[in-house]
Amino acid sequence: MKQIHYYNEIKEEIKKLNQLVDEALENGTPIIQDEAVMEQNRKVDELIVEIQRNMFNTIINERNDNQKDKNIPLNDFKGYKDCILKEN
């Protein structure tokens, strides 16, 4: 359910951003100077970071569940070793 929520939310926020960009271009305003565009862009960026963070946490939680079953140290998962060490 969370994935559907994120999909719908990011889709809506990107749609708003695109509308603001179109309006700025129609008015001849450079996008970087349009505060509404920049604010909406930050909102989209923050949402993307939140989605990525949740995806990472889901992967780590799944790895932790697998670790409990197999008694494998978490840092032995080579694909995520650097990320885990930086995160903690």
PDB file of N, CA and C in Angstrom:
ATOM      1  N   MET A   1       0.808  -1.193   0.000  1.00  0.00           N
ATOM      2  CA  MET A   1       0.000   0.000   0.000  1.00  0.00           C
ATOM      3  C   MET A   1       0.857   1.265   0.000  1.00  0.00           C
ATOM      4  N   LYS A   2       1.980   1.224   0.705  1.00  0.00           N
ATOM      5  CA  LYS A   2       2.846   2.388   0.789  1.00  0.00           C
ATOM      6  C   LYS A   2       3.392   2.757  -0.583  1.00  0.00           C
ATOM      7  N   GLN A   3       3.704   1.729  -1.397  1.00  0.00           N
ATOM      8  CA  GLN A   3       4.242   1.981  -2.725  1.00  0.00           C
ATOM      9  C   GLN A   3       3.223   2.712  -3.592  1.00  0.00           C
ATOM     10  N   ILE A   4       1.958   2.340  -3.509  1.00  0.00           N
ATOM     11  CA  ILE A   4       0.906   3.004  -4.279  1.00  0.00           C
ATOM     12  C   ILE A   4       0.788   4.450  -3.832  1.00  0.00           C
ATOM     13  N   HIS A   5       0.852   4.677  -2.519  1.00  0.00           N
ATOM     14  CA  HIS A   5       0.785   6.038  -1.990  1.00  0.00           C
ATOM     15  C   HIS A   5       1.916   6.885  -2.569  1.00  0.00           C
ATOM     16  N   TYR A   6       3.129   6.353  -2.534  1.00  0.00           N
ATOM     17  CA  TYR A   6       4.277   7.097  -3.060  1.00  0.00           C
ATOM     18  C   TYR A   6       4.140   7.345  -4.553  1.00  0.00           C
ATOM     19  N   TYR A   7       3.697   6.338  -5.274  1.00  0.00           N
ATOM     20  CA  TYR A   7       3.542   6.486  -6.721  1.00  0.00           C
ATOM     21  C   TYR A   7       2.559   7.606  -7.038  1.00  0.00           C
ATOM     22  N   ASN A   8       1.420   7.594  -6.387  1.00  0.00           N
ATOM     23  CA  ASN A   8       0.410   8.621  -6.633  1.00  0.00           C
ATOM     24  C   ASN A   8       0.898  10.003  -6.209  1.00  0.00           C
ATOM     25  N   GLU A   9       1.579  10.064  -5.079  1.00  0.00           N
ATOM     26  CA  GLU A   9       2.066  11.338  -4.574  1.00  0.00           C
ATOM     27  C   GLU A   9       3.144  11.927  -5.486  1.00  0.00           C
ATOM     28  N   ILE A  10       4.109  11.119  -5.889  1.00  0.00           N
ATOM     29  CA  ILE A  10       5.184  11.638  -6.739  1.00  0.00           C
ATOM     30  C   ILE A  10       4.637  12.030  -8.103  1.00  0.00           C
ATOM     31  N   LYS A  11       3.700  11.256  -8.599  1.00  0.00           N
ATOM     32  CA  LYS A  11       3.073  11.563  -9.890  1.00  0.00           C
ATOM     33  C   LYS A  11       2.378  12.926  -9.839  1.00  0.00           C
ATOM     34  N   GLU A  12       1.648  13.171  -8.773  1.00  0.00           N
ATOM     35  CA  GLU A  12       0.931  14.450  -8.607  1.00  0.00           C
ATOM     36  C   GLU A  12       1.899  15.621  -8.445  1.00  0.00           C
ATOM     37  N   GLU A  13       2.946  15.434  -7.655  1.00  0.00           N
ATOM     38  CA  GLU A  13       3.905  16.519  -7.415  1.00  0.00           C
ATOM     39  C   GLU A  13       4.705  16.856  -8.681  1.00  0.00           C
ATOM     40  N   ILE A  14       5.029  15.846  -9.466  1.00  0.00           N
ATOM     41  CA  ILE A  14       5.734  16.097 -10.729  1.00  0.00           C
ATOM     42  C   ILE A  14       4.809  16.806 -11.710  1.00  0.00           C
ATOM     43  N   LYS A  15       3.554  16.434 -11.704  1.00  0.00           N
ATOM     44  CA  LYS A  15       2.572  17.111 -12.560  1.00  0.00           C
ATOM     45  C   LYS A  15       2.491  18.596 -12.201  1.00  0.00           C
ATOM     46  N   LYS A  16       2.456  18.905 -10.905  1.00  0.00           N
ATOM     47  CA  LYS A  16       2.432  20.305 -10.456  1.00  0.00           C
ATOM     48  C   LYS A  16       3.697  21.038 -10.900  1.00  0.00           C
ATOM     49  N   LEU A  17       4.841  20.365 -10.752  1.00  0.00           N
ATOM     50  CA  LEU A  17       6.108  20.964 -11.158  1.00  0.00           C
ATOM     51  C   LEU A  17       6.104  21.278 -12.653  1.00  0.00           C
ATOM     52  N   ASN A  18       5.650  20.340 -13.452  1.00  0.00           N
ATOM     53  CA  ASN A  18       5.598  20.555 -14.893  1.00  0.00           C
ATOM     54  C   ASN A  18       4.688  21.728 -15.261  1.00  0.00           C
ATOM     55  N   GLN A  19       3.563  21.861 -14.562  1.00  0.00           N
ATOM     56  CA  GLN A  19       2.655  22.983 -14.820  1.00  0.00           C
ATOM     57  C   GLN A  19       3.333  24.314 -14.485  1.00  0.00           C
ATOM     58  N   LEU A  20       4.032  24.351 -13.372  1.00  0.00           N
ATOM     59  CA  LEU A  20       4.733  25.576 -12.977  1.00  0.00           C
ATOM     60  C   LEU A  20       5.843  25.931 -13.964  1.00  0.00           C
ATOM     61  N   VAL A  21       6.546  24.922 -14.453  1.00  0.00           N
ATOM     62  CA  VAL A  21       7.597  25.159 -15.440  1.00  0.00           C
ATOM     63  C   VAL A  21       6.987  25.715 -16.725  1.00  0.00           C
ATOM     64  N   ASP A  22       5.888  25.112 -17.159  1.00  0.00           N
ATOM     65  CA  ASP A  22       5.210  25.603 -18.370  1.00  0.00           C
ATOM     66  C   ASP A  22       4.783  27.058 -18.213  1.00  0.00           C
ATOM     67  N   GLU A  23       4.220  27.394 -17.058  1.00  0.00           N
ATOM     68  CA  GLU A  23       3.783  28.769 -16.802  1.00  0.00           C
ATOM     69  C   GLU A  23       4.968  29.731 -16.812  1.00  0.00           C
ATOM     70  N   ALA A  24       6.055  29.331 -16.194  1.00  0.00           N
ATOM     71  CA  ALA A  24       7.247  30.184 -16.163  1.00  0.00           C
ATOM     72  C   ALA A  24       7.774  30.423 -17.571  1.00  0.00           C
ATOM     73  N   LEU A  25       7.824  29.374 -18.372  1.00  0.00           N
ATOM     74  CA  LEU A  25       8.311  29.508 -19.737  1.00  0.00           C
ATOM     75  C   LEU A  25       7.392  30.390 -20.577  1.00  0.00           C
ATOM     76  N   GLU A  26       6.094  30.232 -20.386  1.00  0.00           N
ATOM     77  CA  GLU A  26       5.131  31.072 -21.111  1.00  0.00           C
ATOM     78  C   GLU A  26       5.291  32.547 -20.739  1.00  0.00           C
ATOM     79  N   ASN A  27       5.636  32.812 -19.495  1.00  0.00           N
ATOM     80  CA  ASN A  27       5.819  34.186 -19.022  1.00  0.00           C
ATOM     81  C   ASN A  27       7.216  34.725 -19.333  1.00  0.00           C
ATOM     82  N   GLY A  28       8.069  33.875 -19.876  1.00  0.00           N
ATOM     83  CA  GLY A  28       9.430  34.306 -20.194  1.00  0.00           C
ATOM     84  C   GLY A  28      10.336  34.394 -18.980  1.00  0.00           C
ATOM     85  N   THR A  29       9.932  33.762 -17.884  1.00  0.00           N
ATOM     86  CA  THR A  29      10.721  33.778 -16.658  1.00  0.00           C
ATOM     87  C   THR A  29      11.701  32.607 -16.667  1.00  0.00           C
ATOM     88  N   PRO A  30      12.978  32.871 -16.445  1.00  0.00           N
ATOM     89  CA  PRO A  30      13.922  31.744 -16.323  1.00  0.00           C
ATOM     90  C   PRO A  30      13.492  30.839 -15.158  1.00  0.00           C
ATOM     91  N   ILE A  31      13.504  29.564 -15.405  1.00  0.00           N
ATOM     92  CA  ILE A  31      13.012  28.602 -14.415  1.00  0.00           C
ATOM     93  C   ILE A  31      13.735  28.753 -13.086  1.00  0.00           C
ATOM     94  N   ILE A  32      15.022  28.963 -13.126  1.00  0.00           N
ATOM     95  CA  ILE A  32      15.822  29.055 -11.902  1.00  0.00           C
ATOM     96  C   ILE A  32      15.450  30.286 -11.076  1.00  0.00           C
ATOM     97  N   GLN A  33      14.850  31.283 -11.703  1.00  0.00           N
ATOM     98  CA  GLN A  33      14.462  32.499 -10.994  1.00  0.00           C
ATOM     99  C   GLN A  33      13.014  32.476 -10.527  1.00  0.00           C
ATOM    100  N   ASP A  34      12.279  31.434 -10.905  1.00  0.00           N
ATOM    101  CA  ASP A  34      10.876  31.327 -10.503  1.00  0.00           C
ATOM    102  C   ASP A  34      10.804  30.594  -9.161  1.00  0.00           C
ATOM    103  N   GLU A  35      10.452  31.333  -8.106  1.00  0.00           N
ATOM    104  CA  GLU A  35      10.466  30.768  -6.753  1.00  0.00           C
ATOM    105  C   GLU A  35       9.466  29.618  -6.601  1.00  0.00           C
ATOM    106  N   ALA A  36       8.311  29.702  -7.253  1.00  0.00           N
ATOM    107  CA  ALA A  36       7.312  28.627  -7.165  1.00  0.00           C
ATOM    108  C   ALA A  36       7.856  27.337  -7.781  1.00  0.00           C
ATOM    109  N   VAL A  37       8.552  27.472  -8.909  1.00  0.00           N
ATOM    110  CA  VAL A  37       9.152  26.302  -9.562  1.00  0.00           C
ATOM    111  C   VAL A  37      10.214  25.697  -8.649  1.00  0.00           C
ATOM    112  N   MET A  38      11.067  26.553  -8.098  1.00  0.00           N
ATOM    113  CA  MET A  38      12.144  26.043  -7.255  1.00  0.00           C
ATOM    114  C   MET A  38      11.605  25.374  -5.989  1.00  0.00           C
ATOM    115  N   GLU A  39      10.571  25.950  -5.417  1.00  0.00           N
ATOM    116  CA  GLU A  39       9.972  25.355  -4.216  1.00  0.00           C
ATOM    117  C   GLU A  39       9.356  23.994  -4.528  1.00  0.00           C
ATOM    118  N   GLN A  40       8.642  23.909  -5.639  1.00  0.00           N
ATOM    119  CA  GLN A  40       8.036  22.632  -6.030  1.00  0.00           C
ATOM    120  C   GLN A  40       9.111  21.614  -6.382  1.00  0.00           C
ATOM    121  N   ASN A  41      10.185  22.064  -7.007  1.00  0.00           N
ATOM    122  CA  ASN A  41      11.289  21.171  -7.334  1.00  0.00           C
ATOM    123  C   ASN A  41      11.912  20.593  -6.055  1.00  0.00           C
ATOM    124  N   ARG A  42      12.074  21.426  -5.038  1.00  0.00           N
ATOM    125  CA  ARG A  42      12.607  20.940  -3.751  1.00  0.00           C
ATOM    126  C   ARG A  42      11.665  19.908  -3.140  1.00  0.00           C
ATOM    127  N   LYS A  43      10.365  20.161  -3.276  1.00  0.00           N
ATOM    128  CA  LYS A  43       9.376  19.226  -2.733  1.00  0.00           C
ATOM    129  C   LYS A  43       9.488  17.863  -3.428  1.00  0.00           C
ATOM    130  N   VAL A  44       9.633  17.877  -4.746  1.00  0.00           N
ATOM    131  CA  VAL A  44       9.800  16.629  -5.502  1.00  0.00           C
ATOM    132  C   VAL A  44      11.098  15.941  -5.084  1.00  0.00           C
ATOM    133  N   ASP A  45      12.171  16.710  -4.962  1.00  0.00           N
ATOM    134  CA  ASP A  45      13.458  16.137  -4.539  1.00  0.00           C
ATOM    135  C   ASP A  45      13.349  15.475  -3.170  1.00  0.00           C
ATOM    136  N   GLU A  46      12.707  16.138  -2.228  1.00  0.00           N
ATOM    137  CA  GLU A  46      12.558  15.585  -0.876  1.00  0.00           C
ATOM    138  C   GLU A  46      11.733  14.307  -0.891  1.00  0.00           C
ATOM    139  N   LEU A  47      10.709  14.276  -1.719  1.00  0.00           N
ATOM    140  CA  LEU A  47       9.879  13.078  -1.825  1.00  0.00           C
ATOM    141  C   LEU A  47      10.679  11.921  -2.418  1.00  0.00           C
ATOM    142  N   ILE A  48      11.502  12.204  -3.408  1.00  0.00           N
ATOM    143  CA  ILE A  48      12.350  11.167  -4.006  1.00  0.00           C
ATOM    144  C   ILE A  48      13.326  10.615  -2.978  1.00  0.00           C
ATOM    145  N   VAL A  49      13.920  11.489  -2.181  1.00  0.00           N
ATOM    146  CA  VAL A  49      14.839  11.039  -1.128  1.00  0.00           C
ATOM    147  C   VAL A  49      14.097  10.162  -0.121  1.00  0.00           C
ATOM    148  N   GLU A  50      12.899  10.552   0.244  1.00  0.00           N
ATOM    149  CA  GLU A  50      12.102   9.764   1.195  1.00  0.00           C
ATOM    150  C   GLU A  50      11.795   8.379   0.620  1.00  0.00           C
ATOM    151  N   ILE A  51      11.435   8.335  -0.649  1.00  0.00           N
ATOM    152  CA  ILE A  51      11.146   7.051  -1.296  1.00  0.00           C
ATOM    153  C   ILE A  51      12.392   6.174  -1.303  1.00  0.00           C
ATOM    154  N   GLN A  52      13.530   6.752  -1.677  1.00  0.00           N
ATOM    155  CA  GLN A  52      14.778   5.984  -1.703  1.00  0.00           C
ATOM    156  C   GLN A  52      15.159   5.496  -0.315  1.00  0.00           C
ATOM    157  N   ARG A  53      14.990   6.338   0.681  1.00  0.00           N
ATOM    158  CA  ARG A  53      15.323   5.945   2.052  1.00  0.00           C
ATOM    159  C   ARG A  53      14.440   4.775   2.495  1.00  0.00           C
ATOM    160  N   ASN A  54      13.162   4.843   2.178  1.00  0.00           N
ATOM    161  CA  ASN A  54      12.260   3.753   2.549  1.00  0.00           C
ATOM    162  C   ASN A  54      12.586   2.469   1.809  1.00  0.00           C
ATOM    163  N   MET A  55      12.963   2.587   0.545  1.00  0.00           N
ATOM    164  CA  MET A  55      13.367   1.402  -0.208  1.00  0.00           C
ATOM    165  C   MET A  55      14.615   0.790   0.415  1.00  0.00           C
ATOM    166  N   PHE A  56      15.592   1.623   0.766  1.00  0.00           N
ATOM    167  CA  PHE A  56      16.821   1.130   1.397  1.00  0.00           C
ATOM    168  C   PHE A  56      16.494   0.430   2.718  1.00  0.00           C
ATOM    169  N   ASN A  57      15.650   1.054   3.532  1.00  0.00           N
ATOM    170  CA  ASN A  57      15.288   0.455   4.819  1.00  0.00           C
ATOM    171  C   ASN A  57      14.568  -0.870   4.636  1.00  0.00           C
ATOM    172  N   THR A  58      13.736  -0.972   3.611  1.00  0.00           N
ATOM    173  CA  THR A  58      13.049  -2.229   3.331  1.00  0.00           C
ATOM    174  C   THR A  58      14.057  -3.316   2.978  1.00  0.00           C
ATOM    175  N   ILE A  59      15.035  -2.966   2.147  1.00  0.00           N
ATOM    176  CA  ILE A  59      16.070  -3.935   1.765  1.00  0.00           C
ATOM    177  C   ILE A  59      16.859  -4.379   2.984  1.00  0.00           C
ATOM    178  N   ILE A  60      17.248  -3.430   3.826  1.00  0.00           N
ATOM    179  CA  ILE A  60      18.014  -3.761   5.029  1.00  0.00           C
ATOM    180  C   ILE A  60      17.196  -4.637   5.966  1.00  0.00           C
ATOM    181  N   ASN A  61      15.918  -4.321   6.140  1.00  0.00           N
ATOM    182  CA  ASN A  61      15.062  -5.135   7.013  1.00  0.00           C
ATOM    183  C   ASN A  61      14.929  -6.550   6.478  1.00  0.00           C
ATOM    184  N   GLU A  62      14.802  -6.684   5.156  1.00  0.00           N
ATOM    185  CA  GLU A  62      14.734  -8.022   4.572  1.00  0.00           C
ATOM    186  C   GLU A  62      16.046  -8.764   4.784  1.00  0.00           C
ATOM    187  N   ARG A  63      17.153  -8.071   4.642  1.00  0.00           N
ATOM    188  CA  ARG A  63      18.460  -8.693   4.867  1.00  0.00           C
ATOM    189  C   ARG A  63      18.600  -9.110   6.334  1.00  0.00           C
ATOM    190  N   ASN A  64      18.114  -8.252   7.236  1.00  0.00           N
ATOM    191  CA  ASN A  64      18.173  -8.598   8.657  1.00  0.00           C
ATOM    192  C   ASN A  64      17.343  -9.841   8.943  1.00  0.00           C
ATOM    193  N   ASP A  65      16.166  -9.942   8.323  1.00  0.00           N
ATOM    194  CA  ASP A  65      15.335 -11.126   8.512  1.00  0.00           C
ATOM    195  C   ASP A  65      16.047 -12.367   7.999  1.00  0.00           C
ATOM    196  N   ASN A  66      16.700 -12.255   6.846  1.00  0.00           N
ATOM    197  CA  ASN A  66      17.453 -13.382   6.298  1.00  0.00           C
ATOM    198  C   ASN A  66      18.647 -13.721   7.180  1.00  0.00           C
ATOM    199  N   GLN A  67      19.272 -12.706   7.739  1.00  0.00           N
ATOM    200  CA  GLN A  67      20.429 -12.905   8.605  1.00  0.00           C
ATOM    201  C   GLN A  67      20.042 -13.717   9.833  1.00  0.00           C
ATOM    202  N   LYS A  68      18.895 -13.412  10.419  1.00  0.00           N
ATOM    203  CA  LYS A  68      18.450 -14.133  11.611  1.00  0.00           C
ATOM    204  C   LYS A  68      18.277 -15.615  11.308  1.00  0.00           C
ATOM    205  N   ASP A  69      17.755 -15.903  10.113  1.00  0.00           N
ATOM    206  CA  ASP A  69      17.528 -17.297   9.743  1.00  0.00           C
ATOM    207  C   ASP A  69      18.824 -18.051   9.474  1.00  0.00           C
ATOM    208  N   LYS A  70      19.837 -17.351   8.965  1.00  0.00           N
ATOM    209  CA  LYS A  70      21.057 -18.020   8.530  1.00  0.00           C
ATOM    210  C   LYS A  70      22.270 -17.720   9.402  1.00  0.00           C
ATOM    211  N   ASN A  71      22.118 -16.856  10.391  1.00  0.00           N
ATOM    212  CA  ASN A  71      23.225 -16.451  11.250  1.00  0.00           C
ATOM    213  C   ASN A  71      24.414 -15.912  10.461  1.00  0.00           C
ATOM    214  N   ILE A  72      24.141 -15.103   9.446  1.00  0.00           N
ATOM    215  CA  ILE A  72      25.187 -14.472   8.642  1.00  0.00           C
ATOM    216  C   ILE A  72      25.314 -13.034   9.109  1.00  0.00           C
ATOM    217  N   PRO A  73      26.527 -12.572   9.420  1.00  0.00           N
ATOM    218  CA  PRO A  73      26.684 -11.169   9.816  1.00  0.00           C
ATOM    219  C   PRO A  73      26.210 -10.244   8.698  1.00  0.00           C
ATOM    220  N   LEU A  74      25.538  -9.170   9.074  1.00  0.00           N
ATOM    221  CA  LEU A  74      24.964  -8.243   8.101  1.00  0.00           C
ATOM    222  C   LEU A  74      26.009  -7.683   7.158  1.00  0.00           C
ATOM    223  N   ASN A  75      27.210  -7.403   7.673  1.00  0.00           N
ATOM    224  CA  ASN A  75      28.226  -6.799   6.817  1.00  0.00           C
ATOM    225  C   ASN A  75      28.830  -7.802   5.828  1.00  0.00           C
ATOM    226  N   ASP A  76      28.426  -9.058   5.865  1.00  0.00           N
ATOM    227  CA  ASP A  76      28.875 -10.030   4.877  1.00  0.00           C
ATOM    228  C   ASP A  76      28.079  -9.940   3.577  1.00  0.00           C
ATOM    229  N   PHE A  77      27.012  -9.161   3.565  1.00  0.00           N
ATOM    230  CA  PHE A  77      26.271  -8.945   2.334  1.00  0.00           C
ATOM    231  C   PHE A  77      27.030  -7.892   1.539  1.00  0.00           C
ATOM    232  N   LYS A  78      27.865  -8.330   0.632  1.00  0.00           N
ATOM    233  CA  LYS A  78      28.800  -7.455  -0.058  1.00  0.00           C
ATOM    234  C   LYS A  78      28.126  -6.320  -0.816  1.00  0.00           C
ATOM    235  N   GLY A  79      26.952  -6.529  -1.346  1.00  0.00           N
ATOM    236  CA  GLY A  79      26.275  -5.497  -2.119  1.00  0.00           C
ATOM    237  C   GLY A  79      25.877  -4.285  -1.300  1.00  0.00           C
ATOM    238  N   TYR A  80      25.729  -4.451  -0.009  1.00  0.00           N
ATOM    239  CA  TYR A  80      25.262  -3.356   0.832  1.00  0.00           C
ATOM    240  C   TYR A  80      26.248  -2.981   1.929  1.00  0.00           C
ATOM    241  N   LYS A  81      27.400  -3.620   1.935  1.00  0.00           N
ATOM    242  CA  LYS A  81      28.357  -3.416   3.008  1.00  0.00           C
ATOM    243  C   LYS A  81      28.736  -1.936   3.172  1.00  0.00           C
ATOM    244  N   ASP A  82      29.116  -1.282   2.082  1.00  0.00           N
ATOM    245  CA  ASP A  82      29.528   0.123   2.173  1.00  0.00           C
ATOM    246  C   ASP A  82      28.384   1.020   2.620  1.00  0.00           C
ATOM    247  N   CYS A  83      27.189   0.770   2.106  1.00  0.00           N
ATOM    248  CA  CYS A  83      26.029   1.577   2.492  1.00  0.00           C
ATOM    249  C   CYS A  83      25.718   1.426   3.975  1.00  0.00           C
ATOM    250  N   ILE A  84      25.790   0.212   4.448  1.00  0.00           N
ATOM    251  CA  ILE A  84      25.477  -0.055   5.850  1.00  0.00           C
ATOM    252  C   ILE A  84      26.488   0.630   6.760  1.00  0.00           C
ATOM    253  N   LEU A  85      27.763   0.512   6.384  1.00  0.00           N
ATOM    254  CA  LEU A  85      28.795   1.117   7.224  1.00  0.00           C
ATOM    255  C   LEU A  85      28.670   2.624   7.244  1.00  0.00           C
ATOM    256  N   LYS A  86      28.314   3.243   6.119  1.00  0.00           N
ATOM    257  CA  LYS A  86      28.148   4.701   6.070  1.00  0.00           C
ATOM    258  C   LYS A  86      26.897   5.128   6.824  1.00  0.00           C
ATOM    259  N   GLU A  87      25.830   4.339   6.724  1.00  0.00           N
ATOM    260  CA  GLU A  87      24.560   4.690   7.361  1.00  0.00           C
ATOM    261  C   GLU A  87      24.673   4.664   8.874  1.00  0.00           C
ATOM    262  N   ASN A  88      25.408   3.696   9.413  1.00  0.00           N
ATOM    263  CA  ASN A  88      25.538   3.562  10.865  1.00  0.00           C
ATOM    264  C   ASN A  88      26.670   4.367  11.320  1.00  0.00           C
TER     265      ASN A  88
END
